[in-house]
Amino acid sequence: MRFKAAGRVKTRAMPKLSMLTLAVGLLALAGCGSSSSSTTSSTTATTGAASTPATTASTPAAGAASSAVSLTANPEGQLKYNTTSLTAKAGSVAISLTNMSPVSHNVTIESSSGTVVGHTPTFQGGTKTVSVALKPGTYKFFCSVPGHRMAGMEGTLTVQ
């Protein structure tokens, strides 16, 4: 920094702490960028640098039926799925959530007793899949991001 005093130009050095703070701030901002890549996974999903396993209730017995169902988050950012009702066959059930919304979502499966039996990670952009072994019955699916379920982002999964 330069300033003129009585006909002379003086130079004042920026404090090192200020420069360090600026550098750390710029690095933090650079790390906050988002990625538009998507990942599909059956039992694990990558979120950032760490891999988080999706919860799986149990492994079905050999020869058990399996089914796959899909769910889509509202792409305009509304807190709702494309349906409030899903049906699957008992056994290994794969539930895929596509989220092209500007808001992060997940899908969580809960038994009639209120126990969470599986979930995808919370994510934005792409598709994540959770596979769970389910017996015949009625289950709830919902987004566990705070406030989303209460806003109506839930439905019923009927397993036959």
N, C-alpha and C. Protein backbone atom coordinates (compact mmCIF):
# COMPACT_ATOMS: atom_id res chain seq x y z
N MET A 1 0.85 -1.16 0.00
CA MET A 1 0.00 0.00 0.00
C MET A 1 0.90 1.23 0.00
N ARG A 2 0.60 2.20 -0.84
CA ARG A 2 1.42 3.41 -0.95
C ARG A 2 0.57 4.63 -0.62
N PHE A 3 1.19 5.58 -0.01
CA PHE A 3 0.54 6.87 0.20
C PHE A 3 1.61 7.94 0.23
N LYS A 4 1.19 9.14 -0.11
CA LYS A 4 2.15 10.24 -0.23
C LYS A 4 2.05 11.13 0.99
N ALA A 5 3.16 11.40 1.62
CA ALA A 5 3.20 12.29 2.78
C ALA A 5 4.37 13.22 2.63
N ALA A 6 4.14 14.50 2.59
CA ALA A 6 5.16 15.54 2.51
C ALA A 6 6.13 15.30 1.36
N GLY A 7 5.60 15.00 0.17
CA GLY A 7 6.44 14.87 -1.00
C GLY A 7 7.14 13.54 -1.15
N ARG A 8 6.98 12.61 -0.20
CA ARG A 8 7.63 11.30 -0.30
C ARG A 8 6.56 10.21 -0.41
N VAL A 9 6.89 9.17 -1.09
CA VAL A 9 5.99 8.01 -1.18
C VAL A 9 6.44 7.02 -0.13
N LYS A 10 5.52 6.66 0.73
CA LYS A 10 5.83 5.66 1.76
C LYS A 10 5.08 4.37 1.43
N THR A 11 5.67 3.26 1.74
CA THR A 11 5.05 1.96 1.53
C THR A 11 4.82 1.30 2.87
N ARG A 12 3.60 0.82 3.04
CA ARG A 12 3.26 0.12 4.29
C ARG A 12 2.92 -1.33 3.95
N ALA A 13 3.52 -2.25 4.63
CA ALA A 13 3.29 -3.68 4.37
C ALA A 13 1.96 -4.10 4.98
N MET A 14 1.23 -4.98 4.26
CA MET A 14 -0.01 -5.55 4.80
C MET A 14 0.37 -6.51 5.92
N PRO A 15 -0.35 -6.49 6.99
CA PRO A 15 -0.03 -7.44 8.07
C PRO A 15 -0.14 -8.88 7.56
N LYS A 16 0.79 -9.70 7.97
CA LYS A 16 0.82 -11.09 7.53
C LYS A 16 -0.44 -11.84 7.91
N LEU A 17 -1.00 -11.52 9.07
CA LEU A 17 -2.22 -12.21 9.51
C LEU A 17 -3.37 -11.93 8.56
N SER A 18 -3.50 -10.71 8.05
CA SER A 18 -4.57 -10.37 7.10
C SER A 18 -4.42 -11.15 5.81
N MET A 19 -3.20 -11.25 5.30
CA MET A 19 -2.95 -12.00 4.07
C MET A 19 -3.25 -13.48 4.27
N LEU A 20 -2.87 -14.01 5.42
CA LEU A 20 -3.14 -15.42 5.72
C LEU A 20 -4.65 -15.66 5.80
N THR A 21 -5.35 -14.76 6.45
CA THR A 21 -6.81 -14.89 6.56
C THR A 21 -7.45 -14.85 5.18
N LEU A 22 -7.01 -13.96 4.32
CA LEU A 22 -7.52 -13.86 2.97
C LEU A 22 -7.26 -15.16 2.19
N ALA A 23 -6.06 -15.69 2.31
CA ALA A 23 -5.71 -16.93 1.60
C ALA A 23 -6.56 -18.10 2.07
N VAL A 24 -6.76 -18.23 3.37
CA VAL A 24 -7.58 -19.32 3.91
C VAL A 24 -9.02 -19.16 3.43
N GLY A 25 -9.53 -17.93 3.43
CA GLY A 25 -10.89 -17.68 2.96
C GLY A 25 -11.08 -18.06 1.51
N LEU A 26 -10.12 -17.71 0.66
CA LEU A 26 -10.20 -18.06 -0.75
C LEU A 26 -10.14 -19.57 -0.97
N LEU A 27 -9.31 -20.25 -0.21
CA LEU A 27 -9.26 -21.72 -0.31
C LEU A 27 -10.58 -22.34 0.12
N ALA A 28 -11.19 -21.81 1.17
CA ALA A 28 -12.47 -22.34 1.65
C ALA A 28 -13.55 -22.15 0.59
N LEU A 29 -13.58 -20.99 -0.04
CA LEU A 29 -14.57 -20.75 -1.09
C LEU A 29 -14.35 -21.66 -2.29
N ALA A 30 -13.11 -21.91 -2.63
CA ALA A 30 -12.81 -22.79 -3.76
C ALA A 30 -13.30 -24.20 -3.49
N GLY A 31 -13.28 -24.63 -2.25
CA GLY A 31 -13.72 -25.98 -1.89
C GLY A 31 -15.23 -26.11 -1.80
N CYS A 32 -15.97 -25.01 -1.90
CA CYS A 32 -17.43 -25.04 -1.77
C CYS A 32 -18.14 -25.22 -3.09
N GLY A 33 -17.44 -25.44 -4.16
CA GLY A 33 -18.08 -25.62 -5.46
C GLY A 33 -18.90 -26.88 -5.48
N SER A 34 -19.85 -26.94 -6.39
CA SER A 34 -20.68 -28.13 -6.47
C SER A 34 -20.31 -28.92 -7.70
N SER A 35 -20.73 -30.15 -7.71
CA SER A 35 -20.45 -31.04 -8.82
C SER A 35 -21.76 -31.48 -9.42
N SER A 36 -21.81 -31.58 -10.72
CA SER A 36 -23.04 -32.02 -11.36
C SER A 36 -22.99 -33.50 -11.70
N SER A 37 -21.95 -34.19 -11.25
CA SER A 37 -21.86 -35.61 -11.54
C SER A 37 -22.82 -36.39 -10.67
N SER A 38 -23.25 -37.54 -11.15
CA SER A 38 -24.17 -38.35 -10.38
C SER A 38 -23.60 -39.75 -10.23
N THR A 39 -24.02 -40.40 -9.18
CA THR A 39 -23.55 -41.74 -8.88
C THR A 39 -24.74 -42.61 -8.57
N THR A 40 -24.77 -43.80 -9.11
CA THR A 40 -25.80 -44.76 -8.77
C THR A 40 -25.13 -45.91 -8.06
N SER A 41 -25.75 -46.35 -6.97
CA SER A 41 -25.13 -47.40 -6.18
C SER A 41 -26.20 -48.25 -5.52
N SER A 42 -25.91 -49.53 -5.35
CA SER A 42 -26.86 -50.41 -4.69
C SER A 42 -26.66 -50.43 -3.18
N THR A 43 -25.42 -50.50 -2.74
CA THR A 43 -25.21 -50.60 -1.30
C THR A 43 -24.36 -49.49 -0.73
N THR A 44 -23.64 -48.76 -1.58
CA THR A 44 -22.88 -47.63 -1.08
C THR A 44 -23.06 -46.46 -2.02
N ALA A 45 -22.90 -45.27 -1.49
CA ALA A 45 -22.99 -44.07 -2.31
C ALA A 45 -21.89 -43.13 -1.88
N THR A 46 -21.24 -42.52 -2.83
CA THR A 46 -20.15 -41.62 -2.51
C THR A 46 -20.70 -40.22 -2.32
N THR A 47 -20.36 -39.63 -1.18
CA THR A 47 -20.72 -38.25 -0.91
C THR A 47 -19.46 -37.55 -0.48
N GLY A 48 -18.93 -36.74 -1.35
CA GLY A 48 -17.67 -36.07 -1.04
C GLY A 48 -16.53 -37.05 -1.09
N ALA A 49 -15.64 -36.99 -0.09
CA ALA A 49 -14.46 -37.85 -0.09
C ALA A 49 -14.69 -39.16 0.63
N ALA A 50 -15.75 -39.24 1.43
CA ALA A 50 -15.97 -40.46 2.21
C ALA A 50 -17.09 -41.27 1.60
N SER A 51 -17.03 -42.56 1.74
CA SER A 51 -18.09 -43.43 1.25
C SER A 51 -18.94 -43.87 2.42
N THR A 52 -20.25 -43.68 2.28
CA THR A 52 -21.18 -44.02 3.35
C THR A 52 -22.04 -45.17 2.90
N PRO A 53 -22.05 -46.31 3.62
CA PRO A 53 -22.89 -47.40 3.19
C PRO A 53 -24.36 -47.08 3.42
N ALA A 54 -25.20 -47.45 2.47
CA ALA A 54 -26.63 -47.31 2.67
C ALA A 54 -27.06 -48.44 3.60
N THR A 55 -28.00 -48.17 4.45
CA THR A 55 -28.43 -49.16 5.41
C THR A 55 -29.16 -50.28 4.70
N THR A 56 -28.83 -51.50 5.02
CA THR A 56 -29.51 -52.67 4.48
C THR A 56 -30.01 -53.49 5.65
N ALA A 57 -31.30 -53.80 5.65
CA ALA A 57 -31.91 -54.50 6.79
C ALA A 57 -31.30 -55.88 6.98
N SER A 58 -31.33 -56.70 5.96
CA SER A 58 -30.74 -58.02 6.03
C SER A 58 -30.67 -58.59 4.62
N THR A 59 -29.92 -59.65 4.47
CA THR A 59 -29.80 -60.29 3.17
C THR A 59 -30.93 -61.30 3.02
N PRO A 60 -31.67 -61.25 1.93
CA PRO A 60 -32.75 -62.20 1.75
C PRO A 60 -32.23 -63.61 1.54
N ALA A 61 -33.08 -64.59 1.83
CA ALA A 61 -32.72 -66.00 1.65
C ALA A 61 -32.54 -66.28 0.15
N ALA A 62 -31.76 -67.28 -0.15
CA ALA A 62 -31.53 -67.64 -1.54
C ALA A 62 -32.85 -67.95 -2.22
N GLY A 63 -33.02 -67.46 -3.43
CA GLY A 63 -34.24 -67.73 -4.18
C GLY A 63 -35.36 -66.76 -3.85
N ALA A 64 -35.15 -65.81 -2.95
CA ALA A 64 -36.20 -64.86 -2.61
C ALA A 64 -36.47 -63.94 -3.79
N ALA A 65 -37.71 -63.56 -3.93
CA ALA A 65 -38.09 -62.67 -5.03
C ALA A 65 -37.43 -61.31 -4.83
N SER A 66 -37.22 -60.62 -5.93
CA SER A 66 -36.68 -59.28 -5.81
C SER A 66 -37.45 -58.36 -6.74
N SER A 67 -37.53 -57.09 -6.35
CA SER A 67 -38.20 -56.13 -7.21
C SER A 67 -37.52 -54.79 -7.08
N ALA A 68 -37.74 -53.97 -8.08
CA ALA A 68 -37.15 -52.63 -8.09
C ALA A 68 -38.26 -51.63 -8.33
N VAL A 69 -38.24 -50.56 -7.56
CA VAL A 69 -39.19 -49.48 -7.73
C VAL A 69 -38.41 -48.18 -7.81
N SER A 70 -39.01 -47.18 -8.44
CA SER A 70 -38.31 -45.91 -8.55
C SER A 70 -39.18 -44.76 -8.09
N LEU A 71 -38.50 -43.70 -7.70
CA LEU A 71 -39.12 -42.54 -7.10
C LEU A 71 -38.36 -41.33 -7.63
N THR A 72 -39.06 -40.23 -7.86
CA THR A 72 -38.41 -39.02 -8.34
C THR A 72 -38.80 -37.84 -7.46
N ALA A 73 -37.81 -37.08 -7.04
CA ALA A 73 -38.08 -35.85 -6.30
C ALA A 73 -38.54 -34.79 -7.30
N ASN A 74 -39.42 -33.91 -6.88
CA ASN A 74 -39.91 -32.86 -7.75
C ASN A 74 -38.74 -32.04 -8.28
N PRO A 75 -38.55 -31.97 -9.61
CA PRO A 75 -37.39 -31.29 -10.17
C PRO A 75 -37.42 -29.77 -10.02
N GLU A 76 -38.56 -29.22 -9.66
CA GLU A 76 -38.69 -27.76 -9.50
C GLU A 76 -38.36 -27.30 -8.09
N GLY A 77 -38.04 -28.24 -7.20
CA GLY A 77 -37.66 -27.87 -5.84
C GLY A 77 -38.79 -27.96 -4.83
N GLN A 78 -40.00 -28.34 -5.27
CA GLN A 78 -41.09 -28.51 -4.31
C GLN A 78 -40.79 -29.72 -3.44
N LEU A 79 -41.25 -29.69 -2.22
CA LEU A 79 -40.96 -30.78 -1.27
C LEU A 79 -41.99 -31.90 -1.44
N LYS A 80 -41.82 -32.64 -2.55
CA LYS A 80 -42.68 -33.79 -2.79
C LYS A 80 -42.01 -34.74 -3.78
N TYR A 81 -42.45 -36.01 -3.70
CA TYR A 81 -42.03 -37.02 -4.66
C TYR A 81 -43.06 -37.06 -5.78
N ASN A 82 -42.75 -37.79 -6.85
CA ASN A 82 -43.68 -37.91 -7.96
C ASN A 82 -44.88 -38.81 -7.63
N THR A 83 -44.80 -39.56 -6.53
CA THR A 83 -45.90 -40.43 -6.11
C THR A 83 -45.90 -40.56 -4.59
N THR A 84 -47.04 -40.92 -4.04
CA THR A 84 -47.13 -41.16 -2.60
C THR A 84 -47.43 -42.63 -2.32
N SER A 85 -47.38 -43.46 -3.38
CA SER A 85 -47.70 -44.88 -3.22
C SER A 85 -46.78 -45.72 -4.10
N LEU A 86 -46.12 -46.71 -3.48
CA LEU A 86 -45.28 -47.66 -4.20
C LEU A 86 -45.69 -49.07 -3.81
N THR A 87 -45.51 -50.02 -4.72
CA THR A 87 -45.81 -51.43 -4.45
C THR A 87 -44.62 -52.27 -4.90
N ALA A 88 -44.24 -53.25 -4.07
CA ALA A 88 -43.12 -54.13 -4.39
C ALA A 88 -43.43 -55.53 -3.91
N LYS A 89 -42.68 -56.50 -4.43
CA LYS A 89 -42.80 -57.89 -3.97
C LYS A 89 -41.86 -58.10 -2.80
N ALA A 90 -42.26 -58.97 -1.88
CA ALA A 90 -41.43 -59.28 -0.72
C ALA A 90 -40.10 -59.88 -1.16
N GLY A 91 -39.08 -59.66 -0.37
CA GLY A 91 -37.73 -60.13 -0.69
C GLY A 91 -36.81 -58.93 -0.79
N SER A 92 -35.88 -59.00 -1.68
CA SER A 92 -34.95 -57.90 -1.88
C SER A 92 -35.64 -56.82 -2.70
N VAL A 93 -35.76 -55.63 -2.12
CA VAL A 93 -36.42 -54.52 -2.79
C VAL A 93 -35.39 -53.41 -3.00
N ALA A 94 -35.23 -53.00 -4.24
CA ALA A 94 -34.33 -51.90 -4.58
C ALA A 94 -35.18 -50.67 -4.86
N ILE A 95 -34.93 -49.61 -4.11
CA ILE A 95 -35.65 -48.36 -4.30
C ILE A 95 -34.66 -47.32 -4.81
N SER A 96 -34.92 -46.80 -6.01
CA SER A 96 -34.04 -45.80 -6.62
C SER A 96 -34.71 -44.44 -6.54
N LEU A 97 -33.96 -43.46 -6.07
CA LEU A 97 -34.44 -42.09 -6.00
C LEU A 97 -33.64 -41.24 -6.99
N THR A 98 -34.35 -40.59 -7.90
CA THR A 98 -33.74 -39.64 -8.82
C THR A 98 -34.04 -38.25 -8.29
N ASN A 99 -33.00 -37.45 -8.10
CA ASN A 99 -33.17 -36.10 -7.57
C ASN A 99 -32.46 -35.10 -8.47
N MET A 100 -33.21 -34.47 -9.37
CA MET A 100 -32.67 -33.42 -10.22
C MET A 100 -33.12 -32.06 -9.71
N SER A 101 -33.60 -32.02 -8.50
CA SER A 101 -34.06 -30.80 -7.83
C SER A 101 -32.87 -29.95 -7.40
N PRO A 102 -33.05 -28.65 -7.26
CA PRO A 102 -31.97 -27.81 -6.72
C PRO A 102 -31.83 -27.98 -5.20
N VAL A 103 -32.65 -28.84 -4.61
CA VAL A 103 -32.65 -29.09 -3.17
C VAL A 103 -32.18 -30.51 -2.91
N SER A 104 -31.37 -30.72 -1.88
CA SER A 104 -30.90 -32.07 -1.53
C SER A 104 -32.03 -32.86 -0.88
N HIS A 105 -32.13 -34.15 -1.26
CA HIS A 105 -33.15 -35.05 -0.72
C HIS A 105 -32.55 -36.43 -0.49
N ASN A 106 -33.34 -37.29 0.14
CA ASN A 106 -33.01 -38.71 0.28
C ASN A 106 -34.31 -39.47 0.31
N VAL A 107 -34.23 -40.79 0.40
CA VAL A 107 -35.41 -41.59 0.66
C VAL A 107 -35.05 -42.53 1.81
N THR A 108 -35.93 -42.55 2.82
CA THR A 108 -35.75 -43.38 4.00
C THR A 108 -36.95 -44.31 4.08
N ILE A 109 -36.71 -45.58 4.40
CA ILE A 109 -37.79 -46.55 4.53
C ILE A 109 -37.94 -46.90 5.99
N GLU A 110 -39.18 -46.87 6.47
CA GLU A 110 -39.49 -47.10 7.87
C GLU A 110 -40.54 -48.20 7.99
N SER A 111 -40.34 -49.14 8.91
CA SER A 111 -41.31 -50.21 9.13
C SER A 111 -42.54 -49.67 9.86
N SER A 112 -43.57 -50.51 9.97
CA SER A 112 -44.80 -50.09 10.67
C SER A 112 -44.55 -49.82 12.15
N SER A 113 -43.45 -50.35 12.70
CA SER A 113 -43.12 -50.10 14.10
C SER A 113 -42.31 -48.80 14.27
N GLY A 114 -41.99 -48.14 13.15
CA GLY A 114 -41.23 -46.89 13.22
C GLY A 114 -39.72 -47.06 13.14
N THR A 115 -39.25 -48.26 12.87
CA THR A 115 -37.82 -48.53 12.75
C THR A 115 -37.35 -48.24 11.32
N VAL A 116 -36.28 -47.49 11.18
CA VAL A 116 -35.71 -47.23 9.86
C VAL A 116 -35.02 -48.51 9.39
N VAL A 117 -35.42 -49.00 8.21
CA VAL A 117 -34.85 -50.25 7.69
C VAL A 117 -33.90 -50.01 6.53
N GLY A 118 -33.85 -48.79 6.02
CA GLY A 118 -32.92 -48.47 4.93
C GLY A 118 -33.06 -47.03 4.51
N HIS A 119 -32.02 -46.52 3.87
CA HIS A 119 -32.05 -45.13 3.38
C HIS A 119 -30.94 -44.90 2.36
N THR A 120 -31.15 -43.90 1.53
CA THR A 120 -30.09 -43.44 0.65
C THR A 120 -29.40 -42.29 1.36
N PRO A 121 -28.22 -41.91 0.90
CA PRO A 121 -27.63 -40.68 1.44
C PRO A 121 -28.42 -39.48 0.94
N THR A 122 -28.28 -38.37 1.60
CA THR A 122 -28.89 -37.13 1.13
C THR A 122 -28.01 -36.60 0.01
N PHE A 123 -28.61 -36.25 -1.13
CA PHE A 123 -27.83 -35.84 -2.29
C PHE A 123 -28.63 -34.90 -3.18
N GLN A 124 -27.94 -34.33 -4.12
CA GLN A 124 -28.55 -33.44 -5.11
C GLN A 124 -27.97 -33.79 -6.46
N GLY A 125 -28.80 -34.03 -7.44
CA GLY A 125 -28.34 -34.35 -8.79
C GLY A 125 -27.97 -35.81 -8.93
N GLY A 126 -28.71 -36.54 -9.75
CA GLY A 126 -28.40 -37.94 -10.00
C GLY A 126 -29.41 -38.88 -9.38
N THR A 127 -28.98 -40.13 -9.23
CA THR A 127 -29.84 -41.20 -8.70
C THR A 127 -29.05 -42.01 -7.69
N LYS A 128 -29.70 -42.33 -6.58
CA LYS A 128 -29.12 -43.21 -5.56
C LYS A 128 -30.13 -44.34 -5.32
N THR A 129 -29.62 -45.51 -5.00
CA THR A 129 -30.46 -46.69 -4.78
C THR A 129 -30.13 -47.32 -3.45
N VAL A 130 -31.17 -47.75 -2.75
CA VAL A 130 -31.00 -48.51 -1.51
C VAL A 130 -31.70 -49.85 -1.72
N SER A 131 -31.05 -50.93 -1.30
CA SER A 131 -31.65 -52.27 -1.39
C SER A 131 -31.88 -52.79 0.02
N VAL A 132 -33.09 -53.24 0.28
CA VAL A 132 -33.44 -53.76 1.60
C VAL A 132 -34.24 -55.04 1.44
N ALA A 133 -34.13 -55.92 2.42
CA ALA A 133 -34.92 -57.15 2.45
C ALA A 133 -36.19 -56.84 3.23
N LEU A 134 -37.33 -56.96 2.57
CA LEU A 134 -38.60 -56.60 3.20
C LEU A 134 -39.58 -57.76 3.17
N LYS A 135 -40.25 -57.93 4.28
CA LYS A 135 -41.33 -58.92 4.39
C LYS A 135 -42.62 -58.25 3.96
N PRO A 136 -43.66 -59.04 3.65
CA PRO A 136 -44.94 -58.44 3.29
C PRO A 136 -45.43 -57.51 4.41
N GLY A 137 -45.99 -56.39 4.02
CA GLY A 137 -46.50 -55.43 5.00
C GLY A 137 -46.52 -54.03 4.42
N THR A 138 -46.80 -53.08 5.29
CA THR A 138 -46.88 -51.68 4.89
C THR A 138 -45.72 -50.91 5.52
N TYR A 139 -45.03 -50.16 4.72
CA TYR A 139 -43.88 -49.36 5.14
C TYR A 139 -44.12 -47.91 4.74
N LYS A 140 -43.42 -47.02 5.36
CA LYS A 140 -43.45 -45.60 4.99
C LYS A 140 -42.14 -45.27 4.29
N PHE A 141 -42.19 -44.43 3.28
CA PHE A 141 -40.98 -43.87 2.70
C PHE A 141 -41.10 -42.36 2.81
N PHE A 142 -39.97 -41.71 3.09
CA PHE A 142 -39.98 -40.26 3.29
C PHE A 142 -38.59 -39.68 3.14
N CYS A 143 -38.54 -38.36 3.02
CA CYS A 143 -37.26 -37.65 3.00
C CYS A 143 -36.97 -37.23 4.43
N SER A 144 -35.80 -37.61 4.94
CA SER A 144 -35.46 -37.32 6.33
C SER A 144 -34.75 -35.99 6.53
N VAL A 145 -34.60 -35.20 5.46
CA VAL A 145 -34.03 -33.86 5.62
C VAL A 145 -35.01 -33.08 6.50
N PRO A 146 -34.53 -32.40 7.54
CA PRO A 146 -35.43 -31.69 8.46
C PRO A 146 -36.45 -30.81 7.74
N GLY A 147 -37.72 -31.04 8.09
CA GLY A 147 -38.83 -30.27 7.54
C GLY A 147 -39.46 -30.84 6.29
N HIS A 148 -38.76 -31.70 5.55
CA HIS A 148 -39.27 -32.20 4.28
C HIS A 148 -40.44 -33.17 4.48
N ARG A 149 -40.33 -34.08 5.42
CA ARG A 149 -41.43 -35.02 5.65
C ARG A 149 -42.68 -34.28 6.12
N MET A 150 -42.49 -33.34 7.02
CA MET A 150 -43.64 -32.59 7.54
C MET A 150 -44.30 -31.75 6.44
N ALA A 151 -43.52 -31.38 5.42
CA ALA A 151 -44.07 -30.61 4.31
C ALA A 151 -44.80 -31.50 3.30
N GLY A 152 -44.77 -32.81 3.52
CA GLY A 152 -45.50 -33.73 2.65
C GLY A 152 -44.65 -34.66 1.81
N MET A 153 -43.37 -34.70 2.03
CA MET A 153 -42.49 -35.55 1.24
C MET A 153 -42.44 -36.95 1.86
N GLU A 154 -43.54 -37.68 1.70
CA GLU A 154 -43.65 -39.04 2.23
C GLU A 154 -44.68 -39.82 1.47
N GLY A 155 -44.69 -41.13 1.66
CA GLY A 155 -45.66 -41.99 1.01
C GLY A 155 -45.67 -43.36 1.65
N THR A 156 -46.47 -44.24 1.07
CA THR A 156 -46.63 -45.60 1.59
C THR A 156 -46.07 -46.61 0.59
N LEU A 157 -45.28 -47.54 1.11
CA LEU A 157 -44.74 -48.64 0.33
C LEU A 157 -45.45 -49.92 0.78
N THR A 158 -46.17 -50.54 -0.13
CA THR A 158 -46.87 -51.78 0.17
C THR A 158 -46.06 -52.93 -0.39
N VAL A 159 -45.67 -53.86 0.48
CA VAL A 159 -44.88 -55.03 0.06
C VAL A 159 -45.80 -56.24 0.14
N GLN A 160 -45.92 -56.95 -1.00
CA GLN A 160 -46.84 -58.09 -1.10
C GLN A 160 -46.09 -59.41 -1.09
